[in-house]
C-alpha atoms as a PDB file:
ATOM      1  CA  MET A   1      49.773-114.099 133.331  1.00  0.00           C
ATOM      2  CA  HIS A   2      49.098-112.053 130.178  1.00  0.00           C
ATOM      3  CA  TYR A   3      46.558-114.651 129.009  1.00  0.00           C
ATOM      4  CA  LEU A   4      44.837-114.640 132.400  1.00  0.00           C
ATOM      5  CA  PHE A   5      44.605-110.856 132.322  1.00  0.00           C
ATOM      6  CA  LYS A   6      42.965-110.949 128.875  1.00  0.00           C
ATOM      7  CA  GLN A   7      40.388-113.474 130.073  1.00  0.00           C
ATOM      8  CA  MET A   8      39.438-111.243 132.996  1.00  0.00           C
ATOM      9  CA  LEU A   9      38.664-108.249 130.775  1.00  0.00           C
ATOM     10  CA  PRO A  10      34.966-107.569 130.177  1.00  0.00           C
ATOM     11  CA  PRO A  11      33.574-108.458 126.706  1.00  0.00           C
ATOM     12  CA  LEU A  12      33.113-104.750 125.945  1.00  0.00           C
ATOM     13  CA  PHE A  13      36.889-104.267 125.932  1.00  0.00           C
ATOM     14  CA  HIS A  14      37.397-106.971 123.309  1.00  0.00           C
ATOM     15  CA  THR A  15      34.602-105.597 121.148  1.00  0.00           C
ATOM     16  CA  LEU A  16      35.809-101.997 121.116  1.00  0.00           C
ATOM     17  CA  LYS A  17      39.394-102.920 120.161  1.00  0.00           C
ATOM     18  CA  TRP A  18      40.710 -99.834 118.349  1.00  0.00           C
ATOM     19  CA  TYR A  19      37.332 -98.136 118.482  1.00  0.00           C
ATOM     20  CA  SER A  20      37.837 -96.071 121.577  1.00  0.00           C
ATOM     21  CA  PHE A  21      38.379 -92.371 122.064  1.00  0.00           C
ATOM     22  CA  LYS A  22      39.954 -91.617 118.672  1.00  0.00           C
ATOM     23  CA  TYR A  23      38.447 -94.223 116.359  1.00  0.00           C
ATOM     24  CA  GLY A  24      34.993 -95.579 115.690  1.00  0.00           C
ATOM     25  CA  TRP A  25      31.617 -94.007 114.902  1.00  0.00           C
ATOM     26  CA  LYS A  26      31.039 -90.583 116.385  1.00  0.00           C
ATOM     27  CA  GLY A  27      28.801 -87.548 116.094  1.00  0.00           C
ATOM     28  CA  ASP A  28      25.191 -86.670 115.430  1.00  0.00           C
ATOM     29  CA  TYR A  29      25.192 -84.243 112.511  1.00  0.00           C
ATOM     30  CA  VAL A  30      22.312 -82.333 110.987  1.00  0.00           C
ATOM     31  CA  SER A  31      22.910 -83.773 107.516  1.00  0.00           C
ATOM     32  CA  PHE A  32      25.128 -86.117 105.553  1.00  0.00           C
ATOM     33  CA  GLU A  33      26.680 -83.068 103.888  1.00  0.00           C
ATOM     34  CA  GLU A  34      27.727 -81.593 107.237  1.00  0.00           C
ATOM     35  CA  ALA A  35      29.353 -84.878 108.249  1.00  0.00           C
ATOM     36  CA  THR A  36      31.063 -85.141 104.851  1.00  0.00           C
ATOM     37  CA  ASN A  37      32.532 -81.655 105.180  1.00  0.00           C
ATOM     38  CA  LYS A  38      34.160 -82.669 108.457  1.00  0.00           C
ATOM     39  CA  ALA A  39      35.394 -86.080 107.274  1.00  0.00           C
ATOM     40  CA  GLY A  40      38.089 -87.166 104.855  1.00  0.00           C
ATOM     41  CA  GLY A  41      36.166 -89.286 102.364  1.00  0.00           C
ATOM     42  CA  TYR A  42      36.458 -92.792 100.932  1.00  0.00           C
ATOM     43  CA  ASP A  43      37.890 -91.440  97.677  1.00  0.00           C
ATOM     44  CA  ALA A  44      41.175 -90.522  99.373  1.00  0.00           C
ATOM     45  CA  GLU A  45      44.074 -91.737  97.212  1.00  0.00           C
ATOM     46  CA  HIS A  46      45.870 -93.587 100.019  1.00  0.00           C
ATOM     47  CA  ILE A  47      42.746 -95.696 100.622  1.00  0.00           C
ATOM     48  CA  LEU A  48      42.584 -96.719  96.972  1.00  0.00           C
ATOM     49  CA  GLN A  49      46.286 -97.580  96.838  1.00  0.00           C
ATOM     50  CA  SER A  50      45.993 -99.711  99.960  1.00  0.00           C
ATOM     51  CA  ILE A  51      43.118-101.643  98.385  1.00  0.00           C
ATOM     52  CA  VAL A  52      45.005-101.991  95.082  1.00  0.00           C
ATOM     53  CA  LYS A  53      47.941-103.633  96.878  1.00  0.00           C
ATOM     54  CA  SER A  54      45.773-106.026  98.880  1.00  0.00           C
ATOM     55  CA  THR A  55      43.684-106.978  95.808  1.00  0.00           C
ATOM     56  CA  GLN A  56      46.827-107.643  93.773  1.00  0.00           C
ATOM     57  CA  LYS A  57      47.914-110.108  96.445  1.00  0.00           C
ATOM     58  CA  VAL A  58      44.593-111.944  96.102  1.00  0.00           C
ATOM     59  CA  VAL A  59      44.810-112.053  92.299  1.00  0.00           C
ATOM     60  CA  SER A  60      48.393-113.340  92.389  1.00  0.00           C
ATOM     61  CA  GLY A  61      47.453-116.046  94.885  1.00  0.00           C
ATOM     62  CA  GLU A  62      49.731-114.666  97.580  1.00  0.00           C
ATOM     63  CA  VAL A  63      46.763-114.388  99.988  1.00  0.00           C
ATOM     64  CA  PRO A  64      43.260-115.904  99.767  1.00  0.00           C
ATOM     65  CA  TYR A  65      41.194-112.897 100.843  1.00  0.00           C
ATOM     66  CA  GLU A  66      41.231-109.152 101.450  1.00  0.00           C
ATOM     67  CA  ARG A  67      38.757-106.583 102.658  1.00  0.00           C
ATOM     68  CA  ASP A  68      39.245-102.839 103.133  1.00  0.00           C
ATOM     69  CA  GLY A  69      42.971-103.095 102.513  1.00  0.00           C
ATOM     70  CA  ILE A  70      43.543-105.843 105.093  1.00  0.00           C
ATOM     71  CA  VAL A  71      44.680-109.302 103.944  1.00  0.00           C
ATOM     72  CA  TYR A  72      43.561-112.540 105.616  1.00  0.00           C
ATOM     73  CA  ASP A  73      44.999-116.045 105.846  1.00  0.00           C
ATOM     74  CA  THR A  74      41.626-117.629 105.099  1.00  0.00           C
ATOM     75  CA  VAL A  75      38.569-116.573 103.140  1.00  0.00           C
ATOM     76  CA  LYS A  76      35.983-114.999 105.412  1.00  0.00           C
ATOM     77  CA  MET A  77      32.910-116.809 104.150  1.00  0.00           C
ATOM     78  CA  ASN A  78      29.613-115.034 103.608  1.00  0.00           C
ATOM     79  CA  PHE A  79      27.148-117.911 103.563  1.00  0.00           C
ATOM     80  CA  PRO A  80      23.936-115.846 103.265  1.00  0.00           C
ATOM     81  CA  LEU A  81      25.304-114.176 100.127  1.00  0.00           C
ATOM     82  CA  LEU A  82      26.751-117.352  98.635  1.00  0.00           C
ATOM     83  CA  SER A  83      23.587-119.405  99.196  1.00  0.00           C
ATOM     84  CA  THR A  84      21.496-116.636  97.642  1.00  0.00           C
ATOM     85  CA  LEU A  85      23.744-116.454  94.582  1.00  0.00           C
ATOM     86  CA  LEU A  86      23.652-120.223  94.050  1.00  0.00           C
ATOM     87  CA  ARG A  87      19.871-120.224  94.392  1.00  0.00           C
ATOM     88  CA  LEU A  88      19.519-117.462  91.796  1.00  0.00           C
ATOM     89  CA  ALA A  89      21.817-119.308  89.404  1.00  0.00           C
ATOM     90  CA  LEU A  90      19.714-122.467  89.751  1.00  0.00           C
ATOM     91  CA  GLU A  91      16.547-120.484  89.075  1.00  0.00           C
ATOM     92  CA  ASN A  92      18.045-118.890  85.944  1.00  0.00           C
ATOM     93  CA  ASN A  93      19.364-121.775  83.850  1.00  0.00           C
ATOM     94  CA  ASN A  94      22.667-121.797  85.759  1.00  0.00           C
ATOM     95  CA  GLU A  95      23.372-118.201  84.758  1.00  0.00           C
ATOM     96  CA  LEU A  96      24.154-115.432  87.241  1.00  0.00           C
ATOM     97  CA  THR A  97      24.620-111.681  86.905  1.00  0.00           C
ATOM     98  CA  VAL A  98      25.380-109.641  90.027  1.00  0.00           C
ATOM     99  CA  LEU A  99      25.405-105.863  90.299  1.00  0.00           C
ATOM    100  CA  ASP A 100      27.774-105.188  93.193  1.00  0.00           C
ATOM    101  CA  PHE A 101      27.244-101.505  93.986  1.00  0.00           C
ATOM    102  CA  GLY A 102      30.307-100.038  95.670  1.00  0.00           C
ATOM    103  CA  GLY A 103      32.095-103.374  95.389  1.00  0.00           C
ATOM    104  CA  SER A 104      35.616-101.910  95.600  1.00  0.00           C
ATOM    105  CA  LEU A 105      37.992-103.781  93.275  1.00  0.00           C
ATOM    106  CA  GLY A 106      36.127-107.066  93.574  1.00  0.00           C
ATOM    107  CA  THR A 107      36.273-108.112  97.224  1.00  0.00           C
ATOM    108  CA  SER A 108      33.017-110.112  97.141  1.00  0.00           C
ATOM    109  CA  TYR A 109      33.752-111.511  93.676  1.00  0.00           C
ATOM    110  CA  PHE A 110      37.104-112.946  94.741  1.00  0.00           C
ATOM    111  CA  GLN A 111      35.552-114.135  98.001  1.00  0.00           C
ATOM    112  CA  ASN A 112      32.952-116.234  96.187  1.00  0.00           C
ATOM    113  CA  LYS A 113      34.390-117.071  92.770  1.00  0.00           C
ATOM    114  CA  ALA A 114      35.815-120.458  93.780  1.00  0.00           C
ATOM    115  CA  PHE A 115      32.304-121.552  94.780  1.00  0.00           C
ATOM    116  CA  LEU A 116      30.722-120.243  91.583  1.00  0.00           C
ATOM    117  CA  LYS A 117      32.884-122.235  89.138  1.00  0.00           C
ATOM    118  CA  GLY A 118      29.929-124.450  88.284  1.00  0.00           C
ATOM    119  CA  VAL A 119      27.858-121.485  87.100  1.00  0.00           C
ATOM    120  CA  LYS A 120      27.638-121.657  83.315  1.00  0.00           C
ATOM    121  CA  THR A 121      27.588-117.902  82.732  1.00  0.00           C
ATOM    122  CA  LEU A 122      28.825-115.504  85.409  1.00  0.00           C
ATOM    123  CA  HIS A 123      28.962-111.713  85.208  1.00  0.00           C
ATOM    124  CA  TRP A 124      29.990-109.781  88.314  1.00  0.00           C
ATOM    125  CA  CYS A 125      29.434-106.076  87.646  1.00  0.00           C
ATOM    126  CA  ILE A 126      30.854-103.448  89.980  1.00  0.00           C
ATOM    127  CA  VAL A 127      29.632 -99.838  90.042  1.00  0.00           C
ATOM    128  CA  GLU A 128      32.118 -97.654  91.875  1.00  0.00           C
ATOM    129  CA  GLN A 129      33.721 -94.227  92.171  1.00  0.00           C
ATOM    130  CA  PRO A 130      35.586 -93.090  89.031  1.00  0.00           C
ATOM    131  CA  ASN A 131      39.097 -93.711  90.373  1.00  0.00           C
ATOM    132  CA  TYR A 132      38.161 -97.263  91.393  1.00  0.00           C
ATOM    133  CA  VAL A 133      36.526 -97.975  88.038  1.00  0.00           C
ATOM    134  CA  LYS A 134      39.601 -96.788  86.140  1.00  0.00           C
ATOM    135  CA  GLU A 135      41.875 -98.920  88.315  1.00  0.00           C
ATOM    136  CA  GLY A 136      39.542-101.885  87.950  1.00  0.00           C
ATOM    137  CA  LYS A 137      39.323-101.611  84.170  1.00  0.00           C
ATOM    138  CA  ASP A 138      43.074-101.186  83.816  1.00  0.00           C
ATOM    139  CA  ASN A 139      44.228-103.967  86.120  1.00  0.00           C
ATOM    140  CA  PHE A 140      41.496-106.307  87.381  1.00  0.00           C
ATOM    141  CA  GLU A 141      38.749-106.687  84.769  1.00  0.00           C
ATOM    142  CA  ASN A 142      38.308-110.114  83.166  1.00  0.00           C
ATOM    143  CA  GLU A 143      35.649-112.139  81.364  1.00  0.00           C
ATOM    144  CA  HIS A 144      33.577-112.360  84.554  1.00  0.00           C
ATOM    145  CA  LEU A 145      34.474-109.177  86.447  1.00  0.00           C
ATOM    146  CA  HIS A 146      33.353-105.830  84.981  1.00  0.00           C
ATOM    147  CA  PHE A 147      33.532-102.228  86.189  1.00  0.00           C
ATOM    148  CA  TYR A 148      31.080 -99.404  85.442  1.00  0.00           C
ATOM    149  CA  TYR A 149      30.789 -95.758  86.418  1.00  0.00           C
ATOM    150  CA  THR A 150      27.028 -95.710  86.932  1.00  0.00           C
ATOM    151  CA  LEU A 151      24.042 -97.967  87.466  1.00  0.00           C
ATOM    152  CA  GLU A 152      22.638 -96.863  84.111  1.00  0.00           C
ATOM    153  CA  GLU A 153      25.841 -97.745  82.263  1.00  0.00           C
ATOM    154  CA  CYS A 154      25.878-101.237  83.739  1.00  0.00           C
ATOM    155  CA  LEU A 155      22.249-101.848  82.791  1.00  0.00           C
ATOM    156  CA  GLN A 156      23.045-101.051  79.153  1.00  0.00           C
ATOM    157  CA  PHE A 157      25.145-104.216  78.980  1.00  0.00           C
ATOM    158  CA  HIS A 158      23.724-106.555  81.617  1.00  0.00           C
ATOM    159  CA  LYS A 159      20.470-107.686  83.178  1.00  0.00           C
ATOM    160  CA  PRO A 160      21.331-108.426  86.832  1.00  0.00           C
ATOM    161  CA  GLN A 161      19.245-110.774  88.934  1.00  0.00           C
ATOM    162  CA  ILE A 162      20.413-109.105  92.146  1.00  0.00           C
ATOM    163  CA  ILE A 163      21.907-105.818  93.312  1.00  0.00           C
ATOM    164  CA  LEU A 164      24.199-106.070  96.309  1.00  0.00           C
ATOM    165  CA  PHE A 165      25.018-103.303  98.785  1.00  0.00           C
ATOM    166  CA  ASN A 166      27.669-104.866 101.012  1.00  0.00           C
ATOM    167  CA  GLY A 167      28.707-102.320 103.641  1.00  0.00           C
ATOM    168  CA  VAL A 168      27.966 -99.548 101.146  1.00  0.00           C
ATOM    169  CA  ILE A 169      24.513 -97.983 101.332  1.00  0.00           C
ATOM    170  CA  GLN A 170      25.295 -96.197 104.622  1.00  0.00           C
ATOM    171  CA  TYR A 171      28.063 -94.210 102.912  1.00  0.00           C
ATOM    172  CA  ILE A 172      25.817 -92.813 100.173  1.00  0.00           C
ATOM    173  CA  GLY A 173      24.310 -89.441 101.030  1.00  0.00           C
ATOM    174  CA  GLU A 174      21.343 -89.756  98.658  1.00  0.00           C
ATOM    175  CA  ALA A 175      20.658 -93.373  99.571  1.00  0.00           C
ATOM    176  CA  TYR A 176      16.880 -93.202  99.146  1.00  0.00           C
ATOM    177  CA  LYS A 177      17.214 -91.511  95.763  1.00  0.00           C
ATOM    178  CA  LEU A 178      19.535 -94.307  94.675  1.00  0.00           C
ATOM    179  CA  LEU A 179      17.088 -96.929  95.920  1.00  0.00           C
ATOM    180  CA  GLU A 180      14.359 -95.311  93.838  1.00  0.00           C
ATOM    181  CA  GLN A 181      16.585 -95.800  90.789  1.00  0.00           C
ATOM    182  CA  VAL A 182      17.108 -99.429  91.773  1.00  0.00           C
ATOM    183  CA  ILE A 183      13.349 -99.962  92.029  1.00  0.00           C
ATOM    184  CA  LYS A 184      12.807 -98.450  88.575  1.00  0.00           C
ATOM    185  CA  SER A 185      15.533-100.675  87.120  1.00  0.00           C
ATOM    186  CA  GLY A 186      13.431-103.774  87.780  1.00  0.00           C
ATOM    187  CA  ILE A 187      16.289-105.809  89.250  1.00  0.00           C
ATOM    188  CA  PRO A 188      14.413-108.685  90.956  1.00  0.00           C
ATOM    189  CA  TYR A 189      16.413-108.919  94.201  1.00  0.00           C
ATOM    190  CA  LEU A 190      17.983-106.368  96.519  1.00  0.00           C
ATOM    191  CA  MET A 191      20.460-107.433  99.180  1.00  0.00           C
ATOM    192  CA  PHE A 192      21.884-105.389 102.040  1.00  0.00           C
ATOM    193  CA  ASP A 193      24.839-106.750 103.943  1.00  0.00           C
ATOM    194  CA  THR A 194      26.814-105.183 106.795  1.00  0.00           C
ATOM    195  CA  ILE A 195      24.250-102.462 107.424  1.00  0.00           C
ATOM    196  CA  ALA A 196      23.473-100.926 110.824  1.00  0.00           C
ATOM    197  CA  PHE A 197      19.993 -99.861 111.908  1.00  0.00           C
ATOM    198  CA  ILE A 198      18.875 -97.733 114.833  1.00  0.00           C
ATOM    199  CA  GLU A 199      15.504 -97.455 116.502  1.00  0.00           C
ATOM    200  CA  GLY A 200      13.307 -94.374 116.149  1.00  0.00           C
ATOM    201  CA  ASP A 201      11.993 -92.646 113.060  1.00  0.00           C
ATOM    202  CA  LYS A 202      15.058 -90.578 112.083  1.00  0.00           C
ATOM    203  CA  ASP A 203      18.333 -91.475 110.427  1.00  0.00           C
ATOM    204  CA  ARG A 204      21.501 -90.441 112.218  1.00  0.00           C
ATOM    205  CA  TYR A 205      24.495 -88.926 110.430  1.00  0.00           C
ATOM    206  CA  ALA A 206      27.901 -89.676 111.919  1.00  0.00           C
ATOM    207  CA  ILE A 207      31.581 -89.940 110.988  1.00  0.00           C
ATOM    208  CA  GLN A 208      33.450 -93.221 110.993  1.00  0.00           C
ATOM    209  CA  HIS A 209      37.073 -92.783 112.072  1.00  0.00           C
ATOM    210  CA  VAL A 210      39.227 -95.653 110.798  1.00  0.00           C
ATOM    211  CA  PRO A 211      42.595 -96.626 112.320  1.00  0.00           C
ATOM    212  CA  PRO A 212      45.748 -96.950 110.150  1.00  0.00           C
ATOM    213  CA  ALA A 213      45.640-100.751 110.416  1.00  0.00           C
ATOM    214  CA  PHE A 214      43.245-100.649 107.460  1.00  0.00           C
ATOM    215  CA  TYR A 215      44.727 -98.192 104.974  1.00  0.00           C
ATOM    216  CA  GLY A 216      48.161 -97.313 106.370  1.00  0.00           C
ATOM    217  CA  LEU A 217      47.006 -93.876 107.485  1.00  0.00           C
ATOM    218  CA  ASP A 218      44.054 -92.565 109.443  1.00  0.00           C
ATOM    219  CA  ALA A 219      40.868 -92.291 107.392  1.00  0.00           C
ATOM    220  CA  SER A 220      37.389 -90.946 108.019  1.00  0.00           C
ATOM    221  CA  TYR A 221      34.128 -90.735 106.119  1.00  0.00           C
ATOM    222  CA  ALA A 222      30.534 -89.754 106.693  1.00  0.00           C
ATOM    223  CA  CYS A 223      28.036 -92.527 107.304  1.00  0.00           C
ATOM    224  CA  ILE A 224      24.340 -93.015 107.971  1.00  0.00           C
ATOM    225  CA  PHE A 225      22.717 -95.101 110.670  1.00  0.00           C
ATOM    226  CA  PHE A 226      19.343 -95.788 109.099  1.00  0.00           C
ATOM    227  CA  SER A 227      16.118 -95.763 111.060  1.00  0.00           C
ATOM    228  CA  ARG A 228      14.892 -99.334 110.760  1.00  0.00           C
ATOM    229  CA  SER A 229      11.230 -98.312 110.687  1.00  0.00           C
ATOM    230  CA  LYS A 230      11.814 -95.615 108.080  1.00  0.00           C
ATOM    231  CA  MET A 231      13.867 -97.853 105.773  1.00  0.00           C
ATOM    232  CA  GLU A 232      11.496-100.811 106.018  1.00  0.00           C
ATOM    233  CA  PHE A 233       8.424 -98.625 105.479  1.00  0.00           C
ATOM    234  CA  PHE A 234      10.030 -97.358 102.271  1.00  0.00           C
ATOM    235  CA  LEU A 235      11.099-100.794 101.024  1.00  0.00           C
ATOM    236  CA  LYS A 236       7.859-102.623 101.813  1.00  0.00           C
ATOM    237  CA  LYS A 237       6.020-100.473  99.279  1.00  0.00           C
ATOM    238  CA  HIS A 238       7.984-102.211  96.537  1.00  0.00           C
ATOM    239  CA  TYR A 239       9.587-105.356  98.001  1.00  0.00           C
ATOM    240  CA  ASP A 240       8.803-108.412 100.073  1.00  0.00           C
ATOM    241  CA  LEU A 241      11.333-109.311 102.748  1.00  0.00           C
ATOM    242  CA  CYS A 242      12.778-112.779 102.076  1.00  0.00           C
ATOM    243  CA  TYR A 243      15.006-113.149 105.115  1.00  0.00           C
ATOM    244  CA  GLU A 244      17.248-111.332 107.579  1.00  0.00           C
ATOM    245  CA  PHE A 245      20.576-112.321 109.103  1.00  0.00           C
ATOM    246  CA  ILE A 246      23.388-111.070 111.324  1.00  0.00           C
ATOM    247  CA  SER A 247      26.401-110.129 109.213  1.00  0.00           C
ATOM    248  CA  GLU A 248      28.867-110.097 112.094  1.00  0.00           C
ATOM    249  CA  PRO A 249      28.446-111.449 115.622  1.00  0.00           C
ATOM    250  CA  ASP A 250      30.559-108.682 117.168  1.00  0.00           C
ATOM    251  CA  LYS A 251      28.793-105.781 118.801  1.00  0.00           C
ATOM    252  CA  TYR A 252      29.996-102.275 117.938  1.00  0.00           C
ATOM    253  CA  TYR A 253      29.246 -98.891 119.412  1.00  0.00           C
ATOM    254  CA  LEU A 254      28.059 -95.570 118.029  1.00  0.00           C
ATOM    255  CA  GLU A 255      29.586 -93.664 120.905  1.00  0.00           C
ATOM    256  CA  LEU A 256      27.731 -95.393 123.793  1.00  0.00           C
ATOM    257  CA  MET A 257      24.933 -96.902 121.697  1.00  0.00           C
ATOM    258  CA  PRO A 258      25.506-100.590 120.755  1.00  0.00           C
ATOM    259  CA  PHE A 259      24.684-101.876 117.282  1.00  0.00           C
ATOM    260  CA  LEU A 260      25.113-105.000 115.163  1.00  0.00           C
ATOM    261  CA  TYR A 261      25.848-105.284 111.472  1.00  0.00           C
ATOM    262  CA  GLU A 262      22.897-106.976 109.793  1.00  0.00           C
ATOM    263  CA  GLY A 263      21.765-108.153 106.380  1.00  0.00           C
ATOM    264  CA  GLN A 264      18.493-108.444 104.470  1.00  0.00           C
ATOM    265  CA  LEU A 265      17.311-109.942 101.186  1.00  0.00           C
ATOM    266  CA  TRP A 266      14.338-108.289  99.461  1.00  0.00           C
ATOM    267  CA  LYS A 267      12.377-109.416  96.401  1.00  0.00           C
ATOM    268  CA  LEU A 268      10.708-106.930  94.081  1.00  0.00           C
ATOM    269  CA  LYS A 269       6.913-107.251  94.069  1.00  0.00           C
END
């Protein structure tokens, strides 16, 4: 009877899951700063500690995959990213250097490392918040995985073929300023993954309210829903679009407005 009841529920119910009245993406703030002042922030210590514990389980082999503090029984494959990385390695004498901006403690590295064993030289460089970098350097860094405080610091030691923003760029208040730095760096490829666009010519600033299933306690942080036309107008001055993809098939909701998480690969002109 319980199974039959679940099958009779509309698809919207399954999609919303926790994201109902208390959780999810809410608000339409004047600026990123206003949203930040009313949110908790991703640098909250309990978020970091939750991610430390889940990453330790991946490193020890206890679980195969983690993301945002949640552990999984199987690796959640990211085929657009993996195929791009393998292509870049083939084009560069079987050598690959990735700049994973906001890459936590190595989620995407551990997700893909088993499939990159054939790469002759692999450097996976993560630029993160100071507390994550310290934790990464102290407990997770190895010959392939490196942690840096800034983009500039990373570029002193490495020459990445690609910079990856995987579910990250929408949480950076000065996103366009950062992208200008990326353009000046000369990194050949730029990849967005798990990014949400809206129609119209203005970005929307909201707060994402996260249930305790992720970090043990409630969490919240400011986020940006980028205007697709505005972002693509900016990028097309400097990049050619290689391809687009859907990061997740599930539909989510910014209050009553549906959106999908998407991805894009851009090549510097």
